[in-house]
């Protein structure tokens, strides 16, 4: 094996190692501190909670999707008053 081939193989190896590390970091759950908890009030919906939280800063539909995913909410119409949900910090 020539020095050039060894250098190329080393570069590929370290690039793959970096990409694996980056992929693991991207797939890791966000730390708990990146959420805030909110208690659902009577008449609250995910839409009203998101509207109070997001305003015009981002796509409210994407935010609601994220809230559902974080909290494992399958049926957004099944929110109960008193239920505590986690919201991504803005």
PDB file of N, CA and C in Angstrom:
ATOM      1  N   UNK A   1       0.845  -1.166   0.000  1.00  0.00           N
ATOM      2  CA  UNK A   1       0.000   0.000   0.000  1.00  0.00           C
ATOM      3  C   UNK A   1       0.898   1.239   0.000  1.00  0.00           C
ATOM      4  N   UNK A   2       0.555   2.206  -0.817  1.00  0.00           N
ATOM      5  CA  UNK A   2       1.370   3.409  -0.902  1.00  0.00           C
ATOM      6  C   UNK A   2       0.956   4.403   0.174  1.00  0.00           C
ATOM      7  N   UNK A   3       1.799   5.391   0.403  1.00  0.00           N
ATOM      8  CA  UNK A   3       1.489   6.426   1.383  1.00  0.00           C
ATOM      9  C   UNK A   3       0.223   7.176   1.002  1.00  0.00           C
ATOM     10  N   UNK A   4       0.031   7.384  -0.299  1.00  0.00           N
ATOM     11  CA  UNK A   4      -1.153   8.108  -0.758  1.00  0.00           C
ATOM     12  C   UNK A   4      -2.416   7.308  -0.440  1.00  0.00           C
ATOM     13  N   UNK A   5      -2.396   5.995  -0.690  1.00  0.00           N
ATOM     14  CA  UNK A   5      -3.551   5.150  -0.385  1.00  0.00           C
ATOM     15  C   UNK A   5      -3.824   5.126   1.115  1.00  0.00           C
ATOM     16  N   UNK A   6      -2.778   5.062   1.918  1.00  0.00           N
ATOM     17  CA  UNK A   6      -2.939   5.056   3.366  1.00  0.00           C
ATOM     18  C   UNK A   6      -3.586   6.357   3.829  1.00  0.00           C
ATOM     19  N   UNK A   7      -3.167   7.467   3.252  1.00  0.00           N
ATOM     20  CA  UNK A   7      -3.760   8.766   3.597  1.00  0.00           C
ATOM     21  C   UNK A   7      -5.221   8.849   3.221  1.00  0.00           C
ATOM     22  N   UNK A   8      -5.556   8.316   2.061  1.00  0.00           N
ATOM     23  CA  UNK A   8      -6.955   8.334   1.609  1.00  0.00           C
ATOM     24  C   UNK A   8      -7.810   7.465   2.520  1.00  0.00           C
ATOM     25  N   UNK A   9      -7.323   6.281   2.854  1.00  0.00           N
ATOM     26  CA  UNK A   9      -8.068   5.373   3.728  1.00  0.00           C
ATOM     27  C   UNK A   9      -8.232   5.992   5.109  1.00  0.00           C
ATOM     28  N   UNK A  10      -7.192   6.621   5.617  1.00  0.00           N
ATOM     29  CA  UNK A  10      -7.289   7.286   6.919  1.00  0.00           C
ATOM     30  C   UNK A  10      -8.320   8.410   6.880  1.00  0.00           C
ATOM     31  N   UNK A  11      -8.314   9.188   5.821  1.00  0.00           N
ATOM     32  CA  UNK A  11      -9.287  10.277   5.681  1.00  0.00           C
ATOM     33  C   UNK A  11     -10.711   9.742   5.645  1.00  0.00           C
ATOM     34  N   UNK A  12     -10.923   8.687   4.903  1.00  0.00           N
ATOM     35  CA  UNK A  12     -12.255   8.081   4.816  1.00  0.00           C
ATOM     36  C   UNK A  12     -12.680   7.547   6.182  1.00  0.00           C
ATOM     37  N   UNK A  13     -11.770   6.884   6.870  1.00  0.00           N
ATOM     38  CA  UNK A  13     -12.074   6.324   8.194  1.00  0.00           C
ATOM     39  C   UNK A  13     -12.483   7.420   9.172  1.00  0.00           C
ATOM     40  N   UNK A  14     -11.681   8.487   9.253  1.00  0.00           N
ATOM     41  CA  UNK A  14     -11.990   9.555  10.202  1.00  0.00           C
ATOM     42  C   UNK A  14     -13.238  10.331   9.804  1.00  0.00           C
ATOM     43  N   UNK A  15     -13.490  10.450   8.519  1.00  0.00           N
ATOM     44  CA  UNK A  15     -14.731  11.087   8.073  1.00  0.00           C
ATOM     45  C   UNK A  15     -15.935  10.249   8.476  1.00  0.00           C
ATOM     46  N   UNK A  16     -15.836   8.935   8.292  1.00  0.00           N
ATOM     47  CA  UNK A  16     -16.929   8.035   8.686  1.00  0.00           C
ATOM     48  C   UNK A  16     -17.132   8.071  10.192  1.00  0.00           C
ATOM     49  N   UNK A  17     -16.051   8.108  10.939  1.00  0.00           N
ATOM     50  CA  UNK A  17     -16.143   8.177  12.400  1.00  0.00           C
ATOM     51  C   UNK A  17     -16.841   9.460  12.830  1.00  0.00           C
ATOM     52  N   UNK A  18     -16.471  10.570  12.225  1.00  0.00           N
ATOM     53  CA  UNK A  18     -17.113  11.851  12.525  1.00  0.00           C
ATOM     54  C   UNK A  18     -18.598  11.813  12.192  1.00  0.00           C
ATOM     55  N   UNK A  19     -18.950  11.280  11.025  1.00  0.00           N
ATOM     56  CA  UNK A  19     -20.355  11.221  10.621  1.00  0.00           C
ATOM     57  C   UNK A  19     -21.178  10.332  11.550  1.00  0.00           C
ATOM     58  N   UNK A  20     -20.588   9.250  12.007  1.00  0.00           N
ATOM     59  CA  UNK A  20     -21.289   8.383  12.963  1.00  0.00           C
ATOM     60  C   UNK A  20     -21.548   9.129  14.266  1.00  0.00           C
ATOM     61  N   UNK A  21     -20.535   9.820  14.758  1.00  0.00           N
ATOM     62  CA  UNK A  21     -20.689  10.587  16.001  1.00  0.00           C
ATOM     63  C   UNK A  21     -21.759  11.654  15.823  1.00  0.00           C
ATOM     64  N   UNK A  22     -21.707  12.374  14.707  1.00  0.00           N
ATOM     65  CA  UNK A  22     -22.680  13.424  14.441  1.00  0.00           C
ATOM     66  C   UNK A  22     -24.092  12.839  14.349  1.00  0.00           C
ATOM     67  N   UNK A  23     -24.236  11.675  13.721  1.00  0.00           N
ATOM     68  CA  UNK A  23     -25.545  11.029  13.604  1.00  0.00           C
ATOM     69  C   UNK A  23     -26.102  10.621  14.944  1.00  0.00           C
ATOM     70  N   UNK A  24     -25.238  10.130  15.818  1.00  0.00           N
ATOM     71  CA  UNK A  24     -25.679   9.745  17.164  1.00  0.00           C
ATOM     72  C   UNK A  24     -26.123  10.973  17.936  1.00  0.00           C
ATOM     73  N   UNK A  25     -25.386  12.056  17.835  1.00  0.00           N
ATOM     74  CA  UNK A  25     -25.746  13.292  18.530  1.00  0.00           C
ATOM     75  C   UNK A  25     -27.068  13.843  18.015  1.00  0.00           C
ATOM     76  N   UNK A  26     -27.281  13.771  16.704  1.00  0.00           N
ATOM     77  CA  UNK A  26     -28.519  14.289  16.127  1.00  0.00           C
ATOM     78  C   UNK A  26     -29.722  13.452  16.542  1.00  0.00           C
ATOM     79  N   UNK A  27     -29.526  12.150  16.741  1.00  0.00           N
ATOM     80  CA  UNK A  27     -30.631  11.259  17.107  1.00  0.00           C
ATOM     81  C   UNK A  27     -30.901  11.249  18.601  1.00  0.00           C
ATOM     82  N   UNK A  28     -29.979  11.744  19.389  1.00  0.00           N
ATOM     83  CA  UNK A  28     -30.150  11.738  20.841  1.00  0.00           C
ATOM     84  C   UNK A  28     -31.266  12.692  21.228  1.00  0.00           C
ATOM     85  N   UNK A  29     -32.063  12.327  22.222  1.00  0.00           N
ATOM     86  CA  UNK A  29     -33.134  13.227  22.645  1.00  0.00           C
ATOM     87  C   UNK A  29     -32.561  14.520  23.207  1.00  0.00           C
ATOM     88  N   UNK A  30     -33.305  15.583  23.024  1.00  0.00           N
ATOM     89  CA  UNK A  30     -32.875  16.872  23.550  1.00  0.00           C
ATOM     90  C   UNK A  30     -32.883  16.842  25.067  1.00  0.00           C
ATOM     91  N   UNK A  31     -32.019  17.579  25.691  1.00  0.00           N
ATOM     92  CA  UNK A  31     -32.012  17.598  27.149  1.00  0.00           C
ATOM     93  C   UNK A  31     -33.310  18.162  27.691  1.00  0.00           C
ATOM     94  N   UNK A  32     -33.671  17.726  28.883  1.00  0.00           N
ATOM     95  CA  UNK A  32     -34.927  18.134  29.506  1.00  0.00           C
ATOM     96  C   UNK A  32     -35.003  19.653  29.617  1.00  0.00           C
ATOM     97  N   UNK A  33     -33.889  20.313  29.793  1.00  0.00           N
ATOM     98  CA  UNK A  33     -33.896  21.761  29.964  1.00  0.00           C
ATOM     99  C   UNK A  33     -34.360  22.496  28.711  1.00  0.00           C
ATOM    100  N   UNK A  34     -34.475  21.808  27.582  1.00  0.00           N
ATOM    101  CA  UNK A  34     -34.935  22.472  26.373  1.00  0.00           C
ATOM    102  C   UNK A  34     -36.461  22.492  26.273  1.00  0.00           C
ATOM    103  N   UNK A  35     -37.125  22.050  27.313  1.00  0.00           N
ATOM    104  CA  UNK A  35     -38.589  22.056  27.357  1.00  0.00           C
ATOM    105  C   UNK A  35     -39.073  22.863  28.547  1.00  0.00           C
ATOM    106  N   UNK A  36     -40.291  23.332  28.430  1.00  0.00           N
ATOM    107  CA  UNK A  36     -40.963  23.902  29.598  1.00  0.00           C
ATOM    108  C   UNK A  36     -42.307  23.208  29.710  1.00  0.00           C
ATOM    109  N   UNK A  37     -42.773  23.067  30.922  1.00  0.00           N
ATOM    110  CA  UNK A  37     -44.039  22.370  31.152  1.00  0.00           C
ATOM    111  C   UNK A  37     -45.165  23.378  31.291  1.00  0.00           C
ATOM    112  N   UNK A  38     -46.312  22.995  30.737  1.00  0.00           N
ATOM    113  CA  UNK A  38     -47.508  23.833  30.778  1.00  0.00           C
ATOM    114  C   UNK A  38     -48.684  22.960  31.189  1.00  0.00           C
ATOM    115  N   UNK A  39     -49.499  23.470  32.082  1.00  0.00           N
ATOM    116  CA  UNK A  39     -50.716  22.752  32.484  1.00  0.00           C
ATOM    117  C   UNK A  39     -51.855  23.178  31.554  1.00  0.00           C
ATOM    118  N   UNK A  40     -52.534  22.189  31.000  1.00  0.00           N
ATOM    119  CA  UNK A  40     -53.649  22.444  30.084  1.00  0.00           C
ATOM    120  C   UNK A  40     -54.824  23.002  30.883  1.00  0.00           C
ATOM    121  N   UNK A  41     -55.342  24.121  30.417  1.00  0.00           N
ATOM    122  CA  UNK A  41     -56.495  24.769  31.053  1.00  0.00           C
ATOM    123  C   UNK A  41     -57.776  24.319  30.352  1.00  0.00           C
ATOM    124  N   UNK A  42     -58.936  24.475  31.016  1.00  0.00           N
ATOM    125  CA  UNK A  42     -60.190  24.140  30.345  1.00  0.00           C
ATOM    126  C   UNK A  42     -60.308  24.919  29.030  1.00  0.00           C
ATOM    127  N   UNK A  43     -60.807  24.288  28.024  1.00  0.00           N
ATOM    128  CA  UNK A  43     -61.004  24.861  26.692  1.00  0.00           C
ATOM    129  C   UNK A  43     -59.709  25.007  25.891  1.00  0.00           C
ATOM    130  N   UNK A  44     -58.548  24.629  26.439  1.00  0.00           N
ATOM    131  CA  UNK A  44     -57.303  24.683  25.686  1.00  0.00           C
ATOM    132  C   UNK A  44     -57.277  23.614  24.601  1.00  0.00           C
ATOM    133  N   UNK A  45     -56.679  23.953  23.484  1.00  0.00           N
ATOM    134  CA  UNK A  45     -56.367  22.998  22.422  1.00  0.00           C
ATOM    135  C   UNK A  45     -54.878  23.155  22.119  1.00  0.00           C
ATOM    136  N   UNK A  46     -54.321  22.220  21.390  1.00  0.00           N
ATOM    137  CA  UNK A  46     -52.923  22.381  21.011  1.00  0.00           C
ATOM    138  C   UNK A  46     -52.743  23.660  20.197  1.00  0.00           C
ATOM    139  N   UNK A  47     -53.737  24.000  19.398  1.00  0.00           N
ATOM    140  CA  UNK A  47     -53.649  25.205  18.581  1.00  0.00           C
ATOM    141  C   UNK A  47     -53.587  26.457  19.459  1.00  0.00           C
ATOM    142  N   UNK A  48     -54.469  26.560  20.467  1.00  0.00           N
ATOM    143  CA  UNK A  48     -54.474  27.765  21.311  1.00  0.00           C
ATOM    144  C   UNK A  48     -53.199  27.854  22.154  1.00  0.00           C
ATOM    145  N   UNK A  49     -52.724  26.706  22.633  1.00  0.00           N
ATOM    146  CA  UNK A  49     -51.481  26.700  23.404  1.00  0.00           C
ATOM    147  C   UNK A  49     -50.318  27.135  22.514  1.00  0.00           C
ATOM    148  N   UNK A  50     -50.265  26.587  21.307  1.00  0.00           N
ATOM    149  CA  UNK A  50     -49.191  26.934  20.377  1.00  0.00           C
ATOM    150  C   UNK A  50     -49.278  28.404  19.973  1.00  0.00           C
ATOM    151  N   UNK A  51     -50.472  28.914  19.751  1.00  0.00           N
ATOM    152  CA  UNK A  51     -50.646  30.316  19.354  1.00  0.00           C
ATOM    153  C   UNK A  51     -50.141  31.256  20.445  1.00  0.00           C
ATOM    154  N   UNK A  52     -50.389  30.904  21.708  1.00  0.00           N
ATOM    155  CA  UNK A  52     -49.883  31.725  22.814  1.00  0.00           C
ATOM    156  C   UNK A  52     -48.365  31.665  22.901  1.00  0.00           C
ATOM    157  N   UNK A  53     -47.812  30.533  22.539  1.00  0.00           N
ATOM    158  CA  UNK A  53     -46.380  30.310  22.696  1.00  0.00           C
ATOM    159  C   UNK A  53     -45.573  30.822  21.516  1.00  0.00           C
ATOM    160  N   UNK A  54     -46.029  30.547  20.305  1.00  0.00           N
ATOM    161  CA  UNK A  54     -45.251  30.805  19.099  1.00  0.00           C
ATOM    162  C   UNK A  54     -45.488  32.198  18.534  1.00  0.00           C
ATOM    163  N   UNK A  55     -46.729  32.641  18.516  1.00  0.00           N
ATOM    164  CA  UNK A  55     -47.029  33.902  17.847  1.00  0.00           C
ATOM    165  C   UNK A  55     -46.754  33.765  16.359  1.00  0.00           C
ATOM    166  N   UNK A  56     -46.118  34.761  15.775  1.00  0.00           N
ATOM    167  CA  UNK A  56     -45.818  34.739  14.342  1.00  0.00           C
ATOM    168  C   UNK A  56     -44.373  34.328  14.065  1.00  0.00           C
ATOM    169  N   UNK A  57     -43.695  33.767  15.062  1.00  0.00           N
ATOM    170  CA  UNK A  57     -42.274  33.461  14.929  1.00  0.00           C
ATOM    171  C   UNK A  57     -41.991  32.266  14.029  1.00  0.00           C
ATOM    172  N   UNK A  58     -42.885  31.308  13.965  1.00  0.00           N
ATOM    173  CA  UNK A  58     -42.644  30.119  13.157  1.00  0.00           C
ATOM    174  C   UNK A  58     -43.962  29.505  12.719  1.00  0.00           C
ATOM    175  N   UNK A  59     -43.876  28.465  11.912  1.00  0.00           N
ATOM    176  CA  UNK A  59     -45.060  27.767  11.414  1.00  0.00           C
ATOM    177  C   UNK A  59     -45.735  27.043  12.575  1.00  0.00           C
ATOM    178  N   UNK A  60     -46.935  27.465  12.901  1.00  0.00           N
ATOM    179  CA  UNK A  60     -47.649  26.912  14.053  1.00  0.00           C
ATOM    180  C   UNK A  60     -47.959  25.424  13.855  1.00  0.00           C
ATOM    181  N   UNK A  61     -48.201  25.023  12.605  1.00  0.00           N
ATOM    182  CA  UNK A  61     -48.507  23.604  12.350  1.00  0.00           C
ATOM    183  C   UNK A  61     -47.309  22.724  12.674  1.00  0.00           C
ATOM    184  N   UNK A  62     -46.112  23.188  12.330  1.00  0.00           N
ATOM    185  CA  UNK A  62     -44.890  22.436  12.637  1.00  0.00           C
ATOM    186  C   UNK A  62     -44.680  22.371  14.150  1.00  0.00           C
ATOM    187  N   UNK A  63     -44.946  23.477  14.835  1.00  0.00           N
ATOM    188  CA  UNK A  63     -44.802  23.510  16.293  1.00  0.00           C
ATOM    189  C   UNK A  63     -45.762  22.518  16.955  1.00  0.00           C
ATOM    190  N   UNK A  64     -47.010  22.484  16.489  1.00  0.00           N
ATOM    191  CA  UNK A  64     -47.993  21.549  17.034  1.00  0.00           C
ATOM    192  C   UNK A  64     -47.541  20.110  16.788  1.00  0.00           C
ATOM    193  N   UNK A  65     -47.025  19.828  15.602  1.00  0.00           N
ATOM    194  CA  UNK A  65     -46.503  18.493  15.298  1.00  0.00           C
ATOM    195  C   UNK A  65     -45.393  18.130  16.284  1.00  0.00           C
ATOM    196  N   UNK A  66     -44.481  19.071  16.538  1.00  0.00           N
ATOM    197  CA  UNK A  66     -43.386  18.822  17.481  1.00  0.00           C
ATOM    198  C   UNK A  66     -43.916  18.557  18.890  1.00  0.00           C
ATOM    199  N   UNK A  67     -44.906  19.329  19.325  1.00  0.00           N
ATOM    200  CA  UNK A  67     -45.493  19.139  20.655  1.00  0.00           C
ATOM    201  C   UNK A  67     -46.139  17.756  20.754  1.00  0.00           C
ATOM    202  N   UNK A  68     -46.860  17.358  19.711  1.00  0.00           N
ATOM    203  CA  UNK A  68     -47.473  16.031  19.703  1.00  0.00           C
ATOM    204  C   UNK A  68     -46.407  14.944  19.803  1.00  0.00           C
ATOM    205  N   UNK A  69     -45.338  15.090  19.060  1.00  0.00           N
ATOM    206  CA  UNK A  69     -44.272  14.093  19.055  1.00  0.00           C
ATOM    207  C   UNK A  69     -43.576  14.016  20.411  1.00  0.00           C
ATOM    208  N   UNK A  70     -43.260  15.164  20.999  1.00  0.00           N
ATOM    209  CA  UNK A  70     -42.578  15.211  22.300  1.00  0.00           C
ATOM    210  C   UNK A  70     -43.420  14.544  23.379  1.00  0.00           C
ATOM    211  N   UNK A  71     -44.735  14.766  23.337  1.00  0.00           N
ATOM    212  CA  UNK A  71     -45.627  14.281  24.387  1.00  0.00           C
ATOM    213  C   UNK A  71     -46.330  12.975  24.062  1.00  0.00           C
ATOM    214  N   UNK A  72     -46.094  12.430  22.878  1.00  0.00           N
ATOM    215  CA  UNK A  72     -46.749  11.181  22.493  1.00  0.00           C
ATOM    216  C   UNK A  72     -48.248  11.340  22.349  1.00  0.00           C
ATOM    217  N   UNK A  73     -48.695  12.496  21.901  1.00  0.00           N
ATOM    218  CA  UNK A  73     -50.130  12.773  21.749  1.00  0.00           C
ATOM    219  C   UNK A  73     -50.582  12.260  20.387  1.00  0.00           C
ATOM    220  N   UNK A  74     -51.435  11.244  20.410  1.00  0.00           N
ATOM    221  CA  UNK A  74     -51.955  10.682  19.161  1.00  0.00           C
ATOM    222  C   UNK A  74     -53.222  11.408  18.719  1.00  0.00           C
ATOM    223  N   UNK A  75     -54.058  11.781  19.693  1.00  0.00           N
ATOM    224  CA  UNK A  75     -55.315  12.454  19.388  1.00  0.00           C
ATOM    225  C   UNK A  75     -55.284  13.836  20.042  1.00  0.00           C
ATOM    226  N   UNK A  76     -55.008  14.883  19.257  1.00  0.00           N
ATOM    227  CA  UNK A  76     -54.921  16.218  19.854  1.00  0.00           C
ATOM    228  C   UNK A  76     -56.235  16.694  20.456  1.00  0.00           C
ATOM    229  N   UNK A  77     -57.342  16.097  20.069  1.00  0.00           N
ATOM    230  CA  UNK A  77     -58.635  16.465  20.639  1.00  0.00           C
ATOM    231  C   UNK A  77     -58.868  15.857  22.008  1.00  0.00           C
ATOM    232  N   UNK A  78     -57.947  15.021  22.468  1.00  0.00           N
ATOM    233  CA  UNK A  78     -58.136  14.331  23.745  1.00  0.00           C
ATOM    234  C   UNK A  78     -57.383  14.995  24.896  1.00  0.00           C
ATOM    235  N   UNK A  79     -56.973  16.253  24.725  1.00  0.00           N
ATOM    236  CA  UNK A  79     -56.315  16.950  25.833  1.00  0.00           C
ATOM    237  C   UNK A  79     -57.294  17.100  26.988  1.00  0.00           C
ATOM    238  N   UNK A  80     -56.793  16.941  28.190  1.00  0.00           N
ATOM    239  CA  UNK A  80     -57.620  17.049  29.383  1.00  0.00           C
ATOM    240  C   UNK A  80     -57.153  18.230  30.223  1.00  0.00           C
ATOM    241  N   UNK A  81     -58.092  19.000  30.755  1.00  0.00           N
ATOM    242  CA  UNK A  81     -57.735  20.085  31.664  1.00  0.00           C
ATOM    243  C   UNK A  81     -56.956  19.504  32.834  1.00  0.00           C
ATOM    244  N   UNK A  82     -55.873  20.171  33.202  1.00  0.00           N
ATOM    245  CA  UNK A  82     -55.017  19.694  34.276  1.00  0.00           C
ATOM    246  C   UNK A  82     -53.842  18.848  33.793  1.00  0.00           C
ATOM    247  N   UNK A  83     -53.915  18.364  32.577  1.00  0.00           N
ATOM    248  CA  UNK A  83     -52.832  17.587  32.000  1.00  0.00           C
ATOM    249  C   UNK A  83     -51.603  18.492  31.827  1.00  0.00           C
ATOM    250  N   UNK A  84     -50.425  17.962  32.080  1.00  0.00           N
ATOM    251  CA  UNK A  84     -49.193  18.725  31.907  1.00  0.00           C
ATOM    252  C   UNK A  84     -48.510  18.220  30.635  1.00  0.00           C
ATOM    253  N   UNK A  85     -48.184  19.175  29.758  1.00  0.00           N
ATOM    254  CA  UNK A  85     -47.477  18.826  28.525  1.00  0.00           C
ATOM    255  C   UNK A  85     -46.170  19.624  28.457  1.00  0.00           C
ATOM    256  N   UNK A  86     -45.217  19.074  27.736  1.00  0.00           N
ATOM    257  CA  UNK A  86     -43.928  19.744  27.544  1.00  0.00           C
ATOM    258  C   UNK A  86     -43.945  20.483  26.205  1.00  0.00           C
ATOM    259  N   UNK A  87     -43.435  21.697  26.238  1.00  0.00           N
ATOM    260  CA  UNK A  87     -43.328  22.515  25.042  1.00  0.00           C
ATOM    261  C   UNK A  87     -41.862  22.841  24.784  1.00  0.00           C
ATOM    262  N   UNK A  88     -41.450  22.831  23.523  1.00  0.00           N
ATOM    263  CA  UNK A  88     -40.073  23.231  23.219  1.00  0.00           C
ATOM    264  C   UNK A  88     -39.869  24.697  23.595  1.00  0.00           C
ATOM    265  N   UNK A  89     -38.733  24.998  24.162  1.00  0.00           N
ATOM    266  CA  UNK A  89     -38.427  26.394  24.495  1.00  0.00           C
ATOM    267  C   UNK A  89     -38.192  27.184  23.223  1.00  0.00           C
ATOM    268  N   UNK A  90     -38.620  28.410  23.240  1.00  0.00           N
ATOM    269  CA  UNK A  90     -38.459  29.303  22.081  1.00  0.00           C
ATOM    270  C   UNK A  90     -37.206  30.110  22.216  1.00  0.00           C
TER     271      UNK A  90
END
